[in-house]
């Protein structure tokens, strides 16, 4: 729901008000100073009848779609002891363009403007279609914390909501004031199949549990979270049905790193032995089994020694999975040296891998719902966890083939 952003000059306050109050009697969400503090704000929800429009003016001509959360602004007290005065030695400092004071939220604005954050007021983007149909997901804000990137920002507002009575909670939810953001990619195309129109969507969500840049965040942590963990869902939707198929990718779940700053041939180093690694590996796969019920690992690393040491990492991965002793019905391991099998750009050889995992694709199935009768026809019973070293090009290629095969199974 679209809202207007309003400002009151004194006492200073901001407000989110539905564009048309009569059509959405959800109330007005107001942010006021906290006991005279200029660094914190308190939140109040006013019924429409108690909101005095005359004291407020519209701050932004364009409507907004809610609030990402609250921040605590650093105190404005100045420090001089350890600062040089550029004006005393730099002639350019007197130029007007160098005297601009940066907005306190400039870094946040820069982060959220990079183009890979998404939200929707219509449903919970942090969860798959299948997860949203479960009984545990029926709450208004039962989001998946793995993929909620503004979790820290919005936690104060969720705490505020939890203290409201039931009617006020419903009014707050109806207003759509709270925004839940994921990071990744969302794309939708319209396709025609057998004279019927469908929406084909891909939603990829990057986990915020172990985020970091490519060479600075590798492997697993003690909580069982891995770097570059991404959940990708392919959705086919029409007026009759909703199809969903989910895959995941993530860094090899052992403790490893790459030393040095050169862009080529970072040597892989295993930083913790098998015994010390296993508790984290168990946490990782226990959580995956709880979420997806079955896991088939598709390991695309080199099986032969290379200058980067991929085979060492591959061996550590296989050892960790074997020591779980979970059995093939729960956790499977498929090794496919993509560089060796597809040498010379012969990517048709990926068909060899697809034959090896064909039975698992059919066994895991997909999610399917009759949208006319709101009836779940079948659910996905397992997930493919694909990795190479960076979980990029090789992983993209294989995940595309798996997704295509699952979709063909449904269409046929």
Foldseek 3Di string as FASTA:
>chain_A
DWWFWKFFVVVTKIKTGRPDCVVQQLFIKIWGDDPPDPFFTDIDGGGPVPDDPVRIDGPDPDTDQADLATGGFDDPDDDDPPDDDCVVPPVCCPDPVNPDDDDSCNVVVVVVPPPFKDWDLPDALQDDPVVCPDPCNVDLPPHDLQFFPSCVRHVVVVVVLVPDPPSSNVSVSSSSRYITMGGGDKDWDWDADPNFIKIKMKRKGWTPPQEDDQQPAAAFDLQLDFYRKMKMKIWIDHLFKIWIDIAIEGHQHAAWHFDDDDPPQGAIDRDDDLVVRQNSNVSNLVVQCVVQVAEEEEEQEDCDQDSNGRNVSVVSSVVSVVVVPPDPNHYHYDYHNQCVQCPPNNNVSVVVVCVVCVVVLVVQAIWMAGNVVRGTDDHGRYYYYYYYRRCPDVVVVNVVVSVVVNVVVVVD
